[in-house]
Amino acid sequence: MGTTAELASALRAASAVLAEAGVPSPRVDAELLAAHLLGVSRGRVGALALAGAPAPAGLDELVAERARRIPLQHLTGVAHFRHLDLAVGPGVFVPRPETETLAQLGIDAARAAVAATGGATVVDLGTGSGAVAAAIASEVPAAVVHAVELSEHAAAWAERNLTPLGVELRVGDLRTAFEDLDGRVDVVVSNPPYIPADAVPNEPEVRDHDPELALYGGGADGMELPRAVEATARRLLSAGGYVALEHAEVQERAMQALFERTGAWADVAGHRDLTDRARCTSARRAG
């Protein structure tokens, strides 16, 4: 690889290196790394390769880093989420496509609140990179969106993503956040840490590079922080207010039971992601 190599041959070589390293989508990642260096779309990379364009300088170095299972998003500095390009890097959880299910639930609920009253107050608990809050703020401009994140490292990334969208970001604990909004919120969303203590992720990109603070939910079942989200949502939401939170597939029944046993919630429902896995639970604050 290098500036004298043709892009097509460089991409074939890069794909082979990444495949040998066990990267799940070697050709796609090779093309995305080339697109990042060239400042073009992945589709444009294909066209340039067919036209015999040279490979960009630095491709071999980035491919070597990716072969070490450094997350692709850390190398490009960007995570794609819905229609957004989010700034990400070391110290923040990289948003996943499955979390778009949670974002859609929040968007739909915020839109419904706007249609009913002309406005919506939304809170994202444990915002991480700000992905869900940013999606809601960008797609429901009439909503006033607030977000909280405990990690100062993650909050620094969230600030870059949320400030341009007018989202209020606070650094703090989701258990005690936004006491000034108690009983006044229309929608609460959360993708809290929820991995059980002994369920160490297999993927090196997650296990070695996502911060532990963003992964493990506390306790053997990983449910300590999800339980905290339920308690905070119960405090924040007005009557009829909507909460949705993400969880592991194996936690679906426990999550629904969590909402049902308090007596504070109605319309408890489960939601599946695009891979048909149980991904989110939602409920409405009983009056």
Protein backbone atom coordinates (compact mmCIF):
# COMPACT_ATOMS: atom_id res chain seq x y z
CA MET A 1 0.00 0.00 0.00
CA GLY A 2 1.00 3.68 -0.21
CA THR A 3 0.71 6.57 -2.62
CA THR A 4 2.24 4.60 -5.54
CA ALA A 5 -0.11 1.63 -5.22
CA GLU A 6 -3.40 1.53 -7.05
CA LEU A 7 -6.40 1.89 -4.79
CA ALA A 8 -8.01 -1.32 -6.01
CA SER A 9 -5.00 -3.47 -5.17
CA ALA A 10 -4.49 -1.63 -1.88
CA LEU A 11 -8.06 -2.37 -0.87
CA ARG A 12 -7.64 -6.06 -1.71
CA ALA A 13 -4.48 -6.22 0.36
CA ALA A 14 -6.10 -4.33 3.24
CA SER A 15 -9.12 -6.64 3.19
CA ALA A 16 -6.85 -9.68 3.41
CA VAL A 17 -4.96 -8.24 6.38
CA LEU A 18 -8.19 -7.40 8.21
CA ALA A 19 -9.77 -10.75 7.45
CA GLU A 20 -6.73 -12.56 8.84
CA ALA A 21 -7.03 -10.46 12.01
CA GLY A 22 -10.66 -11.56 12.44
CA VAL A 23 -12.26 -8.20 11.70
CA PRO A 24 -15.93 -9.00 10.98
CA SER A 25 -16.32 -6.82 7.84
CA PRO A 26 -12.83 -6.52 6.35
CA ARG A 27 -13.71 -5.12 2.92
CA VAL A 28 -16.15 -2.58 4.31
CA ASP A 29 -13.67 -1.43 6.93
CA ALA A 30 -10.89 -1.13 4.35
CA GLU A 31 -13.11 1.02 2.15
CA LEU A 32 -14.21 3.19 5.08
CA LEU A 33 -10.62 3.79 6.14
CA ALA A 34 -9.73 4.78 2.58
CA ALA A 35 -12.80 7.04 2.44
CA HIS A 36 -11.70 8.72 5.67
CA LEU A 37 -8.23 9.45 4.29
CA LEU A 38 -9.56 10.64 0.94
CA GLY A 39 -12.36 12.73 2.43
CA VAL A 40 -14.99 11.07 0.26
CA SER A 41 -17.90 8.67 0.71
CA ARG A 42 -17.45 4.91 0.70
CA GLY A 43 -19.34 4.75 -2.59
CA ARG A 44 -16.90 7.20 -4.12
CA VAL A 45 -14.02 4.96 -3.03
CA GLY A 46 -15.44 2.19 -5.19
CA ALA A 47 -15.63 4.50 -8.18
CA LEU A 48 -12.07 5.71 -7.65
CA ALA A 49 -10.81 2.14 -7.39
CA LEU A 50 -12.43 1.26 -10.71
CA ALA A 51 -10.85 4.33 -12.27
CA GLY A 52 -7.35 3.24 -11.24
CA ALA A 53 -6.83 6.00 -8.67
CA PRO A 54 -3.83 5.77 -6.32
CA ALA A 55 -4.24 4.61 -2.73
CA PRO A 56 -4.12 7.36 -0.12
CA ALA A 57 -1.04 7.86 2.00
CA GLY A 58 -1.46 6.39 5.48
CA LEU A 59 -3.81 3.57 4.54
CA ASP A 60 -1.37 0.85 5.52
CA GLU A 61 -0.88 2.42 8.98
CA LEU A 62 -4.62 2.67 9.62
CA VAL A 63 -5.19 -0.88 8.42
CA ALA A 64 -2.51 -2.10 10.83
CA GLU A 65 -4.27 -0.31 13.68
CA ARG A 66 -7.62 -1.80 12.70
CA ALA A 67 -6.00 -5.23 12.52
CA ARG A 68 -5.07 -4.75 16.18
CA ARG A 69 -8.86 -4.43 16.72
CA ILE A 70 -8.78 -0.73 17.45
CA PRO A 71 -12.42 0.31 16.81
CA LEU A 72 -12.97 1.67 13.33
CA GLN A 73 -14.70 4.69 14.82
CA HIS A 74 -11.65 5.53 16.93
CA LEU A 75 -9.54 5.60 13.78
CA THR A 76 -11.93 7.77 11.79
CA GLY A 77 -13.20 9.80 14.75
CA VAL A 78 -16.78 9.36 13.56
CA ALA A 79 -19.70 7.07 14.43
CA HIS A 80 -22.70 7.07 12.10
CA PHE A 81 -26.02 7.02 13.96
CA ARG A 82 -29.27 7.46 12.06
CA HIS A 83 -28.52 10.53 9.91
CA LEU A 84 -25.88 11.90 12.28
CA ASP A 85 -22.10 11.81 12.18
CA LEU A 86 -21.05 11.77 15.83
CA ALA A 87 -17.60 12.60 17.18
CA VAL A 88 -16.24 9.64 19.16
CA GLY A 89 -12.92 8.33 20.40
CA PRO A 90 -11.19 6.77 23.41
CA GLY A 91 -13.15 7.20 26.63
CA VAL A 92 -16.66 7.01 25.20
CA PHE A 93 -18.95 4.12 24.28
CA VAL A 94 -19.30 3.84 20.51
CA PRO A 95 -23.04 3.94 19.64
CA ARG A 96 -24.42 0.79 18.03
CA PRO A 97 -27.02 0.41 15.27
CA GLU A 98 -29.34 -1.48 17.65
CA THR A 99 -29.65 1.65 19.81
CA GLU A 100 -31.47 3.33 16.93
CA THR A 101 -34.51 1.39 18.21
CA LEU A 102 -34.34 3.35 21.46
CA ALA A 103 -33.84 6.62 19.58
CA GLN A 104 -36.92 5.95 17.44
CA LEU A 105 -39.05 5.28 20.52
CA GLY A 106 -37.90 8.57 22.02
CA ILE A 107 -38.49 10.46 18.78
CA ASP A 108 -41.99 9.06 18.39
CA ALA A 109 -42.89 9.90 22.00
CA ALA A 110 -41.46 13.42 21.72
CA ARG A 111 -43.36 14.04 18.48
CA ALA A 112 -46.57 12.85 20.13
CA ALA A 113 -46.02 15.24 23.05
CA VAL A 114 -45.36 18.12 20.65
CA ALA A 115 -48.52 17.31 18.70
CA ALA A 116 -50.57 17.25 21.91
CA THR A 117 -49.19 20.29 23.72
CA GLY A 118 -46.92 22.18 21.32
CA GLY A 119 -43.72 21.18 23.11
CA ALA A 120 -41.85 18.36 24.81
CA THR A 121 -39.30 18.10 27.58
CA VAL A 122 -36.96 15.14 27.07
CA VAL A 123 -34.24 13.74 29.34
CA ASP A 124 -31.53 11.27 28.31
CA LEU A 125 -30.03 9.47 31.31
CA GLY A 126 -26.43 8.33 30.80
CA THR A 127 -26.03 9.91 27.39
CA GLY A 128 -22.51 8.65 26.58
CA SER A 129 -21.59 10.15 23.22
CA GLY A 130 -24.97 11.90 23.14
CA ALA A 131 -26.28 9.73 20.31
CA VAL A 132 -29.88 9.32 21.45
CA ALA A 133 -30.24 12.88 22.73
CA ALA A 134 -28.75 14.21 19.49
CA ALA A 135 -31.12 12.13 17.37
CA ILE A 136 -34.15 13.40 19.27
CA ALA A 137 -33.00 17.03 19.23
CA SER A 138 -32.26 16.95 15.51
CA GLU A 139 -35.45 15.16 14.47
CA VAL A 140 -37.87 16.84 16.89
CA PRO A 141 -36.75 20.49 16.87
CA ALA A 142 -39.68 21.58 19.04
CA ALA A 143 -38.44 19.40 21.90
CA VAL A 144 -36.24 20.74 24.70
CA VAL A 145 -33.67 18.02 25.31
CA HIS A 146 -31.52 17.54 28.42
CA ALA A 147 -28.81 14.93 28.97
CA VAL A 148 -26.61 13.74 31.82
CA GLU A 149 -23.37 11.76 31.80
CA LEU A 150 -21.26 10.65 34.77
CA SER A 151 -17.94 10.21 32.96
CA GLU A 152 -16.09 13.44 32.28
CA HIS A 153 -14.27 11.77 29.39
CA ALA A 154 -17.52 10.72 27.74
CA ALA A 155 -19.14 14.07 28.52
CA ALA A 156 -16.37 15.83 26.59
CA TRP A 157 -17.38 13.89 23.48
CA ALA A 158 -21.08 14.42 24.20
CA GLU A 159 -20.52 18.16 24.45
CA ARG A 160 -19.11 18.22 20.92
CA ASN A 161 -22.15 16.38 19.61
CA LEU A 162 -24.89 18.05 21.65
CA THR A 163 -23.91 21.71 21.97
CA PRO A 164 -24.57 22.48 18.27
CA LEU A 165 -28.07 21.00 18.69
CA GLY A 166 -28.95 23.07 21.75
CA VAL A 167 -29.08 20.12 24.16
CA GLU A 168 -28.35 20.96 27.80
CA LEU A 169 -25.65 18.59 29.04
CA ARG A 170 -24.85 18.06 32.71
CA VAL A 171 -22.05 16.01 34.23
CA GLY A 172 -23.46 13.98 37.08
CA ASP A 173 -25.11 10.80 38.34
CA LEU A 174 -28.31 9.68 36.64
CA ARG A 175 -29.64 8.65 40.05
CA THR A 176 -29.90 12.25 41.28
CA ALA A 177 -29.92 14.22 38.03
CA PHE A 178 -32.40 16.94 37.16
CA GLU A 179 -34.14 17.30 40.50
CA ASP A 180 -35.21 20.71 39.21
CA LEU A 181 -37.32 18.92 36.57
CA ASP A 182 -39.13 16.52 38.91
CA GLY A 183 -42.64 15.81 37.63
CA ARG A 184 -42.21 18.06 34.58
CA VAL A 185 -40.68 15.76 31.96
CA ASP A 186 -42.59 14.26 29.03
CA VAL A 187 -40.06 11.67 27.80
CA VAL A 188 -37.15 9.86 29.46
CA VAL A 189 -34.78 7.72 27.39
CA SER A 190 -31.76 5.77 28.55
CA ASN A 191 -29.19 3.33 27.26
CA PRO A 192 -27.63 2.60 30.64
CA PRO A 193 -24.80 0.17 31.30
CA TYR A 194 -26.50 -3.21 31.67
CA ILE A 195 -24.02 -6.02 31.01
CA PRO A 196 -23.93 -8.55 33.90
CA ALA A 197 -20.65 -8.76 35.79
CA ASP A 198 -19.65 -12.16 34.39
CA ALA A 199 -20.78 -11.52 30.79
CA VAL A 200 -17.50 -10.15 29.44
CA PRO A 201 -17.99 -9.20 25.77
CA ASN A 202 -16.23 -11.38 23.20
CA GLU A 203 -15.48 -8.61 20.71
CA PRO A 204 -12.05 -7.01 21.37
CA GLU A 205 -13.38 -3.65 20.18
CA VAL A 206 -15.92 -3.69 23.02
CA ARG A 207 -13.99 -5.59 25.69
CA ASP A 208 -10.73 -3.69 25.33
CA HIS A 209 -11.81 -0.24 24.19
CA ASP A 210 -15.31 0.66 25.41
CA PRO A 211 -15.04 2.08 28.94
CA GLU A 212 -16.12 -0.35 31.67
CA LEU A 213 -18.23 2.42 33.20
CA ALA A 214 -20.38 2.33 30.07
CA LEU A 215 -20.68 -1.47 29.90
CA TYR A 216 -21.40 -3.12 33.25
CA GLY A 217 -24.72 -2.41 34.90
CA GLY A 218 -23.78 -3.41 38.42
CA GLY A 219 -24.56 -6.58 40.34
CA ALA A 220 -24.54 -10.14 39.08
CA ASP A 221 -27.55 -9.47 36.85
CA GLY A 222 -26.36 -6.12 35.51
CA MET A 223 -29.60 -4.52 36.65
CA GLU A 224 -28.46 -2.00 39.27
CA LEU A 225 -28.27 0.93 36.86
CA PRO A 226 -31.43 -0.03 34.93
CA ARG A 227 -33.23 -0.06 38.30
CA ALA A 228 -31.81 3.39 38.98
CA VAL A 229 -33.12 4.59 35.60
CA GLU A 230 -36.61 3.37 36.47
CA ALA A 231 -36.52 5.20 39.81
CA THR A 232 -35.27 8.44 38.24
CA ALA A 233 -37.82 8.25 35.43
CA ARG A 234 -40.57 7.70 38.00
CA ARG A 235 -39.42 10.90 39.73
CA LEU A 236 -39.02 13.00 36.60
CA LEU A 237 -42.05 12.15 34.50
CA SER A 238 -45.38 13.86 34.66
CA ALA A 239 -48.56 11.77 34.58
CA GLY A 240 -48.74 10.02 31.21
CA GLY A 241 -45.05 10.64 30.57
CA TYR A 242 -43.13 8.04 28.60
CA VAL A 243 -39.92 6.15 29.41
CA ALA A 244 -37.90 3.82 27.20
CA LEU A 245 -34.63 2.13 28.04
CA GLU A 246 -32.34 -0.31 26.30
CA HIS A 247 -31.28 -3.64 27.80
CA ALA A 248 -29.83 -7.03 26.95
CA GLU A 249 -32.03 -9.61 25.28
CA VAL A 250 -31.83 -11.87 28.35
CA GLN A 251 -33.07 -9.05 30.60
CA GLU A 252 -36.42 -8.55 28.87
CA ARG A 253 -38.56 -10.31 31.50
CA ALA A 254 -36.66 -8.80 34.42
CA MET A 255 -37.01 -5.32 32.94
CA GLN A 256 -40.75 -5.64 32.42
CA ALA A 257 -41.15 -7.04 35.93
CA LEU A 258 -39.21 -4.07 37.27
CA PHE A 259 -41.80 -1.67 35.86
CA GLU A 260 -44.83 -3.78 36.63
CA ARG A 261 -44.15 -4.38 40.32
CA THR A 262 -43.89 -0.72 41.36
CA GLY A 263 -47.50 0.10 40.52
CA ALA A 264 -46.32 3.43 39.12
CA TRP A 265 -46.45 2.45 35.45
CA ALA A 266 -48.99 1.57 32.77
CA ASP A 267 -48.65 0.23 29.22
CA VAL A 268 -45.41 -1.65 29.90
CA ALA A 269 -44.20 -3.01 26.56
CA GLY A 270 -41.17 -4.68 25.00
CA HIS A 271 -39.61 -3.68 21.69
CA ARG A 272 -37.36 -5.58 19.30
CA ASP A 273 -34.50 -4.24 17.22
CA LEU A 274 -33.84 -4.79 13.52
CA THR A 275 -32.29 -8.19 14.26
CA ASP A 276 -35.53 -9.22 16.05
CA ARG A 277 -33.85 -9.28 19.46
CA ALA A 278 -35.58 -7.95 22.57
CA ARG A 279 -33.88 -4.58 22.96
CA CYS A 280 -36.01 -2.02 24.82
CA THR A 281 -38.76 -1.72 27.40
CA SER A 282 -41.13 1.22 27.58
CA ALA A 283 -43.87 2.35 29.94
CA ARG A 284 -46.10 5.32 30.76
CA ARG A 285 -46.22 7.05 34.13
CA ALA A 286 -49.50 6.25 35.81
CA GLY A 287 -51.53 9.21 36.94
